[in-house]
Amino acid sequence: MILFEFDFKDKIYNLKGKEIKLKGKYFDLILSVIAKNIIFEGVDKNGYTIISSSSLRKKYSRYKIYLDYLIYIGKIERDYYKLGKKSYGYRFTDFYKQDIKLNKIIYYPSVKEDRRNRNKTKLNSIGIDPPILKRLKKDFNSCLIDFDLSTNQLEKTYDEWGNFIDIGKWFRNNFDLHKWKNGYITYDFSSNRLYTNFTSLSSHIRKNNIKLNDENLVEFDIRNSFPLMVAIYMKNVNPDIITDYDFEQYCTSVINGIFYNDLTKGLNLIRNCNKKGNEDDISIRLLSKSEVKQLFQIYLNGDIKRAPHLNGIRPFINEYMSRKYGSVHELIRKTKESNKNNVYHTLVKIETQFIFDIIKELYQKYDDIKIVTCHDAIYVPSSFKDRVQRVWDEKMKELIKDLPCEIDDNFDLQDSFIFVEEDITTTSSKNTLWSEEDFLFLEEDDY
């Protein structure tokens, strides 16, 4: 059970000349249904989350009066429904998103959730030294969680286009911090990655609301991580590819930190060339960089013969990759044909091993350092920034030393491979033609 307590008091609502008393606790109930649905089921292209009347009635039989009042005072909006085809969609208004506050969060896991948590695998699938894992878990348990709704509300962030507050991400961060602070711990290996309460948070929450040694955290993050791991993987399985012109151009784009920029420009150029006068806005709008990152992950992990389809858009990423980086595309295609999951698991294994090699060296060098991880990134107390920087740079140089690359005149290793990754929302994945397995890459900030 999840219940968000909002700042609603009892109200008197004049409905068709009749005064009706509306209770604050039922506002919490109805708004929690909407918030929970946004978190776990996502929204459509217009930001509405679809909720059936039976789901609302199950929570409170008189839900309609409360919904009508919330719509009347401008807190939520409702779209349309089609009998037998589509339920109503609901969303928080932009005005209310600005002012929305939470007084309290109540969470009791269901029996199913409890069983799932107890049965989480603890498998260390890539042979990391047990003492390293033990120390890393000790560091994780020492994190200070700065989260108190009575004194400070979490920061709200905008969607990837900067147009609307991403209220789903805000609710999710509140919920995840509440769980962590109240002892619902996630700490396990799955699909060659370490998943914790820390990894589920948005990047700005990790930096602003989590501390080690009572210090703010500094992030060291691999830019273009999966494109880089593709290059490492290809060099390992086919050493001769380093002499290939397409592979050199691919590595140049990745190492100079511009691969996703290039891919975004290329895919949008194709879309511009294919515009038709009778197309609607969603079919002709340009792709955002975060969408392009998701598409590249789908391209790597999905069926190579199936055209990616995301958020109402069907970009030509297969065609772009085959024309721009022919040898890279061909090797990816062959790998996927031989083993659908091999690409994903292999890339993650390379990435995780690299991150843990750095952690091992840092632990050996500095007895008092504390570290938390988030897949392709490590976070350390701010006082260790310069010391970790030196180790990180050396490891990065070693990782890319054999890759062919035309270095840009303005190239800087630190700028290229250490950055703050944008938050990417994945709530719209419910509206694609892709299965959950196609999004194995996606975390809150792989984005």
Protein backbone atom coordinates (compact mmCIF):
# COMPACT_ATOMS: atom_id res chain seq x y z
CA MET A 1 0.00 0.00 0.00
CA ILE A 2 1.22 3.48 -0.90
CA LEU A 3 -0.47 6.59 0.43
CA PHE A 4 0.73 10.13 -0.14
CA GLU A 5 -0.68 12.67 2.30
CA PHE A 6 -1.25 16.02 0.58
CA ASP A 7 -1.97 19.39 2.11
CA PHE A 8 -5.76 19.05 1.90
CA LYS A 9 -8.22 19.95 4.64
CA ASP A 10 -11.91 19.11 4.87
CA LYS A 11 -13.93 21.13 2.34
CA ILE A 12 -17.54 22.11 1.76
CA TYR A 13 -18.51 21.61 -1.88
CA ASN A 14 -21.71 23.13 -3.24
CA LEU A 15 -22.96 20.60 -5.77
CA LYS A 16 -26.15 21.61 -7.57
CA GLY A 17 -27.30 23.64 -4.59
CA LYS A 18 -26.48 20.93 -2.08
CA GLU A 19 -23.59 21.34 0.37
CA ILE A 20 -21.40 18.26 0.60
CA LYS A 21 -18.59 17.81 3.10
CA LEU A 22 -15.43 16.45 1.51
CA LYS A 23 -12.81 14.99 3.82
CA GLY A 24 -9.08 15.58 3.46
CA LYS A 25 -8.22 11.91 3.90
CA TYR A 26 -10.25 10.98 0.81
CA PHE A 27 -8.47 13.62 -1.25
CA ASP A 28 -5.26 11.85 -0.23
CA LEU A 29 -6.72 8.54 -1.30
CA ILE A 30 -7.84 9.72 -4.76
CA LEU A 31 -4.68 11.73 -5.50
CA SER A 32 -2.53 8.79 -4.37
CA VAL A 33 -4.23 6.55 -6.92
CA ILE A 34 -3.30 9.02 -9.66
CA ALA A 35 0.27 9.48 -8.38
CA LYS A 36 0.83 5.74 -8.01
CA ASN A 37 -0.50 5.11 -11.50
CA ILE A 38 1.87 7.71 -12.95
CA ILE A 39 4.82 6.08 -11.16
CA PHE A 40 4.13 2.47 -12.13
CA GLU A 41 2.03 2.64 -15.30
CA GLY A 42 3.37 5.79 -16.94
CA VAL A 43 1.66 8.46 -19.00
CA ASP A 44 0.64 8.92 -22.64
CA LYS A 45 2.11 11.47 -25.03
CA ASN A 46 -0.05 14.20 -23.46
CA GLY A 47 0.88 13.37 -19.89
CA TYR A 48 -2.34 11.55 -18.92
CA THR A 49 -2.26 8.34 -16.94
CA ILE A 50 -5.12 5.95 -17.74
CA ILE A 51 -7.15 4.76 -14.73
CA SER A 52 -10.25 2.61 -14.88
CA SER A 53 -13.33 3.54 -12.87
CA SER A 54 -13.19 0.15 -11.17
CA SER A 55 -9.70 0.92 -9.80
CA LEU A 56 -10.95 4.21 -8.35
CA ARG A 57 -14.16 2.68 -7.02
CA LYS A 58 -12.14 -0.03 -5.33
CA LYS A 59 -10.32 2.62 -3.30
CA TYR A 60 -13.37 4.76 -2.51
CA SER A 61 -16.92 4.33 -3.76
CA ARG A 62 -17.69 8.09 -3.85
CA TYR A 63 -14.57 8.97 -5.85
CA LYS A 64 -16.52 10.89 -8.55
CA ILE A 65 -17.44 13.79 -6.26
CA TYR A 66 -13.82 14.23 -5.21
CA LEU A 67 -12.58 14.07 -8.80
CA ASP A 68 -15.17 16.64 -9.89
CA TYR A 69 -14.06 19.00 -7.12
CA LEU A 70 -10.35 18.57 -7.92
CA ILE A 71 -11.05 19.32 -11.56
CA TYR A 72 -13.24 22.30 -10.62
CA ILE A 73 -10.51 23.94 -8.50
CA GLY A 74 -7.79 23.30 -11.10
CA LYS A 75 -5.74 20.60 -9.37
CA ILE A 76 -6.17 17.83 -11.94
CA GLU A 77 -7.32 17.50 -15.55
CA ARG A 78 -9.22 14.68 -17.23
CA ASP A 79 -9.24 13.79 -20.91
CA TYR A 80 -11.85 11.57 -22.59
CA TYR A 81 -12.93 7.97 -22.62
CA LYS A 82 -14.22 5.58 -25.27
CA LEU A 83 -16.86 3.14 -24.16
CA GLY A 84 -15.36 -0.34 -24.07
CA LYS A 85 -12.01 0.90 -25.44
CA LYS A 86 -10.41 3.51 -23.21
CA SER A 87 -10.83 4.70 -19.63
CA TYR A 88 -10.40 8.29 -18.57
CA GLY A 89 -6.89 9.69 -18.32
CA TYR A 90 -5.86 11.99 -15.47
CA ARG A 91 -2.96 14.38 -14.92
CA PHE A 92 -1.94 17.04 -12.43
CA THR A 93 -2.31 20.57 -13.80
CA ASP A 94 0.81 22.64 -14.43
CA PHE A 95 -0.41 25.12 -11.83
CA TYR A 96 -0.74 22.44 -9.15
CA LYS A 97 2.60 20.84 -10.04
CA GLN A 98 4.31 24.08 -9.06
CA ASP A 99 2.71 24.17 -5.60
CA ILE A 100 2.16 20.50 -4.79
CA LYS A 101 3.56 19.40 -1.43
CA LEU A 102 3.55 16.19 0.55
CA ASN A 103 3.00 16.06 4.29
CA LYS A 104 3.65 12.35 4.73
CA ILE A 105 4.22 9.06 2.91
CA ILE A 106 2.82 5.76 4.14
CA TYR A 107 4.08 2.51 2.62
CA TYR A 108 3.34 -1.08 3.53
CA PRO A 109 4.56 -3.69 1.03
CA SER A 110 2.08 -6.25 -0.13
CA VAL A 111 2.70 -9.95 0.51
CA LYS A 112 3.80 -10.27 -3.13
CA GLU A 113 6.26 -7.36 -2.82
CA ASP A 114 7.60 -8.74 0.45
CA ARG A 115 8.17 -12.15 -1.12
CA ARG A 116 9.90 -10.55 -4.12
CA ASN A 117 12.25 -8.62 -1.83
CA ARG A 118 13.10 -11.69 0.23
CA ASN A 119 13.87 -13.72 -2.88
CA LYS A 120 16.19 -11.19 -4.52
CA THR A 121 19.31 -12.86 -5.86
CA LYS A 122 22.60 -12.04 -4.11
CA LEU A 123 24.66 -13.55 -6.91
CA ASN A 124 28.03 -11.97 -7.65
CA SER A 125 28.03 -13.04 -11.27
CA ILE A 126 31.30 -11.50 -12.46
CA GLY A 127 33.74 -12.65 -9.81
CA ILE A 128 34.22 -9.48 -7.78
CA ASP A 129 36.35 -9.97 -4.67
CA PRO A 130 34.08 -10.57 -1.65
CA PRO A 131 36.07 -8.13 0.55
CA ILE A 132 35.43 -5.37 -2.01
CA LEU A 133 31.70 -6.09 -1.96
CA LYS A 134 31.67 -6.23 1.82
CA ARG A 135 33.35 -2.84 2.12
CA LEU A 136 31.15 -1.34 -0.57
CA LYS A 137 28.03 -2.52 1.23
CA LYS A 138 29.36 -1.02 4.46
CA ASP A 139 29.78 2.31 2.65
CA PHE A 140 26.26 2.04 1.25
CA ASN A 141 24.87 1.43 4.74
CA SER A 142 26.71 4.51 6.02
CA CYS A 143 24.92 6.87 3.61
CA LEU A 144 23.12 9.77 5.27
CA ILE A 145 19.68 10.37 3.76
CA ASP A 146 18.66 14.02 3.88
CA PHE A 147 14.91 13.67 3.56
CA ASP A 148 12.34 15.30 5.83
CA LEU A 149 9.04 16.43 4.33
CA SER A 150 8.29 18.66 7.31
CA THR A 151 11.31 20.89 6.63
CA ASN A 152 12.25 20.46 2.99
CA GLN A 153 10.41 19.30 -0.12
CA LEU A 154 12.35 17.57 -2.89
CA GLU A 155 13.37 19.60 -5.91
CA LYS A 156 11.12 19.27 -8.95
CA THR A 157 12.70 18.93 -12.38
CA TYR A 158 11.32 19.51 -15.86
CA ASP A 159 10.83 16.99 -18.64
CA GLU A 160 13.55 16.38 -21.20
CA TRP A 161 12.33 19.27 -23.37
CA GLY A 162 12.17 21.69 -20.44
CA ASN A 163 8.46 22.29 -20.95
CA PHE A 164 6.66 20.66 -17.99
CA ILE A 165 7.50 19.55 -14.48
CA ASP A 166 8.08 15.80 -14.48
CA ILE A 167 5.77 15.12 -11.56
CA GLY A 168 6.05 11.35 -11.99
CA LYS A 169 9.78 11.52 -11.36
CA TRP A 170 9.17 13.73 -8.32
CA PHE A 171 6.71 11.25 -6.80
CA ARG A 172 9.06 8.39 -7.56
CA ASN A 173 12.02 10.07 -5.85
CA ASN A 174 9.88 10.81 -2.79
CA PHE A 175 8.70 7.21 -2.67
CA ASP A 176 12.18 5.71 -3.16
CA LEU A 177 13.79 7.94 -0.53
CA HIS A 178 11.01 7.11 1.93
CA LYS A 179 11.54 3.38 1.42
CA TRP A 180 15.30 3.65 1.86
CA LYS A 181 15.07 5.81 4.98
CA ASN A 182 12.55 3.42 6.52
CA GLY A 183 14.66 0.31 6.05
CA TYR A 184 13.33 -1.20 2.81
CA ILE A 185 16.76 -2.01 1.44
CA THR A 186 17.68 -3.10 -2.08
CA TYR A 187 21.25 -4.34 -2.52
CA ASP A 188 21.86 -7.13 -5.02
CA PHE A 189 23.46 -8.14 -8.30
CA SER A 190 21.22 -8.75 -11.28
CA SER A 191 22.20 -8.99 -14.95
CA ASN A 192 25.83 -8.16 -14.07
CA ARG A 193 24.88 -4.90 -12.34
CA LEU A 194 24.67 -3.86 -8.71
CA TYR A 195 21.21 -2.49 -7.87
CA THR A 196 20.65 -0.51 -4.68
CA ASN A 197 18.30 2.12 -3.31
CA PHE A 198 20.89 4.64 -4.51
CA THR A 199 20.67 3.57 -8.17
CA SER A 200 16.90 4.10 -8.30
CA LEU A 201 17.19 7.83 -7.56
CA SER A 202 17.51 10.69 -10.04
CA SER A 203 21.01 12.14 -10.35
CA HIS A 204 20.09 15.47 -8.71
CA ILE A 205 18.65 13.59 -5.71
CA ARG A 206 21.81 11.53 -5.33
CA LYS A 207 23.88 14.69 -5.20
CA ASN A 208 21.57 16.86 -3.11
CA ASN A 209 20.00 14.41 -0.67
CA ILE A 210 22.60 11.70 -0.05
CA LYS A 211 25.87 12.22 1.84
CA LEU A 212 28.94 10.23 2.86
CA ASN A 213 31.04 11.33 5.84
CA ASP A 214 28.53 14.17 6.15
CA GLU A 215 29.83 15.53 2.82
CA ASN A 216 28.11 16.12 -0.50
CA LEU A 217 28.92 13.60 -3.22
CA VAL A 218 31.05 14.05 -6.32
CA GLU A 219 30.21 11.94 -9.37
CA PHE A 220 32.59 10.27 -11.82
CA ASP A 221 30.57 9.05 -14.78
CA ILE A 222 31.52 7.41 -18.10
CA ARG A 223 30.14 9.50 -20.90
CA ASN A 224 28.62 7.52 -23.79
CA SER A 225 29.11 4.42 -21.67
CA PHE A 226 27.31 1.81 -23.78
CA PRO A 227 28.61 3.13 -27.14
CA LEU A 228 32.11 2.94 -25.61
CA MET A 229 31.53 -0.58 -24.32
CA VAL A 230 30.41 -1.55 -27.84
CA ALA A 231 33.79 -0.38 -29.15
CA ILE A 232 35.68 -2.30 -26.44
CA TYR A 233 33.64 -5.44 -27.10
CA MET A 234 34.21 -5.27 -30.87
CA LYS A 235 37.95 -4.78 -30.45
CA ASN A 236 38.04 -7.83 -28.18
CA VAL A 237 36.11 -10.17 -30.49
CA ASN A 238 37.58 -8.85 -33.75
CA PRO A 239 40.99 -7.17 -33.23
CA ASP A 240 41.36 -6.47 -36.96
CA ILE A 241 38.43 -4.06 -36.83
CA ILE A 242 40.73 -1.31 -35.48
CA THR A 243 41.94 -0.76 -39.05
CA ASP A 244 38.41 -0.31 -40.39
CA TYR A 245 37.51 3.28 -41.37
CA ASP A 246 33.90 3.04 -40.11
CA PHE A 247 35.09 1.71 -36.76
CA GLU A 248 37.62 4.53 -36.46
CA GLN A 249 34.90 7.12 -37.14
CA TYR A 250 32.65 5.44 -34.58
CA CYS A 251 35.40 5.46 -31.93
CA THR A 252 36.23 9.08 -32.73
CA SER A 253 32.63 10.11 -32.11
CA VAL A 254 32.42 8.10 -28.88
CA ILE A 255 35.78 9.09 -27.37
CA ASN A 256 35.29 12.76 -28.20
CA GLY A 257 31.98 12.54 -26.29
CA ILE A 258 29.73 13.51 -29.20
CA PHE A 259 28.23 10.17 -30.26
CA TYR A 260 24.70 10.85 -28.96
CA ASN A 261 24.81 14.38 -30.36
CA ASP A 262 25.78 12.99 -33.77
CA LEU A 263 23.11 10.30 -33.57
CA THR A 264 20.44 12.84 -32.58
CA LYS A 265 21.35 15.14 -35.46
CA GLY A 266 21.47 12.26 -37.93
CA LEU A 267 18.12 10.77 -36.97
CA ASN A 268 16.44 14.18 -36.94
CA LEU A 269 17.88 14.99 -40.35
CA ILE A 270 16.28 11.80 -41.69
CA ARG A 271 12.97 12.80 -40.04
CA ASN A 272 13.12 16.25 -41.60
CA CYS A 273 13.64 14.70 -45.01
CA ASN A 274 10.63 12.41 -44.54
CA LYS A 275 8.04 14.96 -43.34
CA LYS A 276 4.66 14.85 -45.02
CA GLY A 277 1.96 17.48 -44.95
CA ASN A 278 -0.71 15.20 -43.51
CA GLU A 279 1.33 13.94 -40.56
CA ASP A 280 0.39 14.93 -37.02
CA ASP A 281 2.75 16.71 -34.60
CA ILE A 282 3.91 13.56 -32.82
CA SER A 283 4.99 11.93 -36.07
CA ILE A 284 7.06 14.87 -37.32
CA ARG A 285 8.49 16.38 -34.13
CA LEU A 286 12.22 16.05 -33.60
CA LEU A 287 13.69 13.48 -31.26
CA SER A 288 15.17 14.57 -27.95
CA LYS A 289 18.64 13.43 -26.93
CA SER A 290 17.24 11.26 -24.14
CA GLU A 291 14.89 9.53 -26.58
CA VAL A 292 17.85 8.87 -28.85
CA LYS A 293 19.68 7.21 -25.94
CA GLN A 294 16.71 4.95 -25.36
CA LEU A 295 16.53 4.15 -29.06
CA PHE A 296 20.20 3.19 -29.16
CA GLN A 297 19.63 0.85 -26.24
CA ILE A 298 16.65 -0.70 -28.01
CA TYR A 299 18.76 -0.99 -31.16
CA LEU A 300 21.37 -2.97 -29.21
CA ASN A 301 18.97 -5.11 -27.20
CA GLY A 302 15.92 -5.57 -29.42
CA ASP A 303 15.22 -7.54 -32.56
CA ILE A 304 17.54 -6.16 -35.26
CA LYS A 305 14.89 -6.92 -37.91
CA ARG A 306 12.20 -4.91 -36.16
CA ALA A 307 12.06 -1.13 -36.58
CA PRO A 308 12.26 0.64 -33.20
CA HIS A 309 9.08 2.46 -32.20
CA LEU A 310 9.17 4.85 -29.25
CA ASN A 311 6.72 7.51 -28.03
CA GLY A 312 4.77 7.42 -31.27
CA ILE A 313 7.92 7.75 -33.40
CA ARG A 314 9.59 5.20 -35.67
CA PRO A 315 13.11 6.53 -36.33
CA PHE A 316 15.42 4.92 -38.90
CA ILE A 317 18.19 3.99 -36.47
CA ASN A 318 18.99 0.64 -38.13
CA GLU A 319 19.39 2.38 -41.46
CA TYR A 320 21.44 5.20 -39.95
CA MET A 321 23.86 2.85 -38.19
CA SER A 322 24.30 0.64 -41.26
CA ARG A 323 25.13 3.65 -43.46
CA LYS A 324 27.18 5.67 -40.98
CA TYR A 325 29.07 2.84 -39.26
CA GLY A 326 28.64 -0.17 -41.54
CA SER A 327 31.16 -2.53 -39.95
CA VAL A 328 29.90 -1.73 -36.45
CA HIS A 329 26.29 -2.35 -37.46
CA GLU A 330 27.20 -5.62 -39.17
CA LEU A 331 29.01 -7.02 -36.14
CA ILE A 332 26.12 -6.02 -33.87
CA ARG A 333 23.70 -7.70 -36.27
CA LYS A 334 25.70 -10.94 -36.31
CA THR A 335 26.06 -10.96 -32.53
CA LYS A 336 22.34 -10.45 -32.04
CA GLU A 337 21.50 -13.19 -34.51
CA SER A 338 23.69 -15.68 -32.67
CA ASN A 339 22.50 -14.77 -29.19
CA LYS A 340 19.82 -12.16 -28.52
CA ASN A 341 20.98 -11.31 -24.99
CA ASN A 342 24.72 -11.56 -25.59
CA VAL A 343 25.17 -7.90 -26.50
CA TYR A 344 23.54 -6.54 -23.37
CA HIS A 345 25.12 -8.89 -20.86
CA THR A 346 28.55 -8.59 -22.42
CA LEU A 347 28.51 -4.80 -22.45
CA VAL A 348 27.29 -4.61 -18.86
CA LYS A 349 29.97 -7.05 -17.76
CA ILE A 350 32.72 -4.91 -19.34
CA GLU A 351 31.28 -1.77 -17.77
CA THR A 352 30.85 -3.28 -14.30
CA GLN A 353 34.30 -4.85 -14.31
CA PHE A 354 35.85 -1.50 -15.21
CA ILE A 355 34.00 0.31 -12.43
CA PHE A 356 34.95 -2.30 -9.83
CA ASP A 357 38.60 -2.27 -10.91
CA ILE A 358 38.62 1.44 -10.09
CA ILE A 359 36.89 0.81 -6.77
CA LYS A 360 39.46 -1.84 -5.87
CA GLU A 361 42.37 0.50 -6.58
CA LEU A 362 40.76 3.34 -4.62
CA TYR A 363 40.19 1.08 -1.63
CA GLN A 364 43.83 -0.05 -1.78
CA LYS A 365 45.12 3.52 -1.97
CA TYR A 366 42.83 5.20 0.56
CA ASP A 367 41.82 3.42 3.75
CA ASP A 368 39.30 6.09 4.70
CA ILE A 369 37.51 6.57 1.37
CA LYS A 370 33.82 5.73 1.04
CA ILE A 371 32.16 4.91 -2.30
CA VAL A 372 28.68 4.30 -3.66
CA THR A 373 27.99 3.17 -7.21
CA CYS A 374 25.39 3.69 -9.89
CA HIS A 375 26.19 1.34 -12.76
CA ASP A 376 28.64 3.33 -14.93
CA ALA A 377 29.43 5.86 -12.20
CA ILE A 378 30.97 6.11 -8.76
CA TYR A 379 30.23 8.72 -6.10
CA VAL A 380 32.68 9.76 -3.39
CA PRO A 381 32.77 12.45 -0.67
CA SER A 382 33.74 15.83 -2.10
CA SER A 383 37.02 15.89 -0.14
CA PHE A 384 38.27 12.98 -2.29
CA LYS A 385 37.57 14.64 -5.63
CA ASP A 386 41.16 15.38 -6.71
CA ARG A 387 42.55 12.05 -5.54
CA VAL A 388 39.86 10.04 -7.30
CA GLN A 389 40.27 12.20 -10.40
CA ARG A 390 43.85 11.03 -10.88
CA VAL A 391 42.96 7.35 -10.57
CA TRP A 392 39.91 7.71 -12.82
CA ASP A 393 41.84 9.46 -15.59
CA GLU A 394 44.57 6.83 -15.62
CA LYS A 395 42.05 4.01 -15.81
CA MET A 396 40.16 5.75 -18.63
CA LYS A 397 43.35 6.23 -20.63
CA GLU A 398 44.15 2.56 -20.20
CA LEU A 399 40.63 1.54 -21.30
CA ILE A 400 40.67 3.49 -24.58
CA LYS A 401 44.38 3.34 -25.45
CA ASP A 402 44.00 0.74 -28.24
CA LEU A 403 40.93 2.27 -29.87
CA PRO A 404 41.51 4.19 -33.14
CA CYS A 405 40.50 7.81 -32.79
CA GLU A 406 41.03 11.19 -34.40
CA ILE A 407 41.35 13.41 -31.34
CA ASP A 408 39.60 16.75 -31.61
CA ASP A 409 41.80 19.81 -31.03
CA ASN A 410 39.66 20.73 -28.03
CA PHE A 411 39.59 17.19 -26.66
CA ASP A 412 39.98 16.83 -22.91
CA LEU A 413 39.80 13.42 -21.27
CA GLN A 414 38.12 14.80 -18.17
CA ASP A 415 35.46 16.71 -20.11
CA SER A 416 34.87 13.77 -22.42
CA PHE A 417 34.36 11.03 -19.88
CA ILE A 418 33.17 12.71 -16.70
CA PHE A 419 29.85 14.47 -16.73
CA VAL A 420 26.42 14.70 -15.18
CA GLU A 421 24.12 12.43 -17.15
CA GLU A 422 20.69 13.84 -17.90
CA ASP A 423 17.71 12.28 -16.20
CA ILE A 424 15.62 10.37 -18.68
CA THR A 425 12.03 9.47 -17.99
CA THR A 426 11.01 5.93 -18.93
CA THR A 427 7.35 6.27 -17.99
CA SER A 428 6.29 6.38 -21.62
CA SER A 429 7.71 2.94 -22.34
CA LYS A 430 4.27 1.49 -21.68
CA ASN A 431 3.16 3.13 -24.93
CA THR A 432 5.77 1.55 -27.21
CA LEU A 433 5.67 -1.66 -29.20
CA TRP A 434 8.63 -3.02 -27.27
CA SER A 435 8.74 -5.55 -24.51
CA GLU A 436 10.20 -5.02 -21.06
CA GLU A 437 13.26 -7.06 -22.03
CA ASP A 438 14.13 -4.49 -24.69
CA PHE A 439 14.65 -1.94 -21.92
CA LEU A 440 17.04 -3.98 -19.76
CA PHE A 441 19.55 -1.17 -20.19
CA LEU A 442 17.29 1.54 -18.84
CA GLU A 443 17.75 2.90 -15.36
CA GLU A 444 16.74 6.30 -14.00
CA ASP A 445 19.93 7.93 -15.30
CA ASP A 446 21.35 5.79 -18.10
CA TYR A 447 19.89 8.12 -19.02
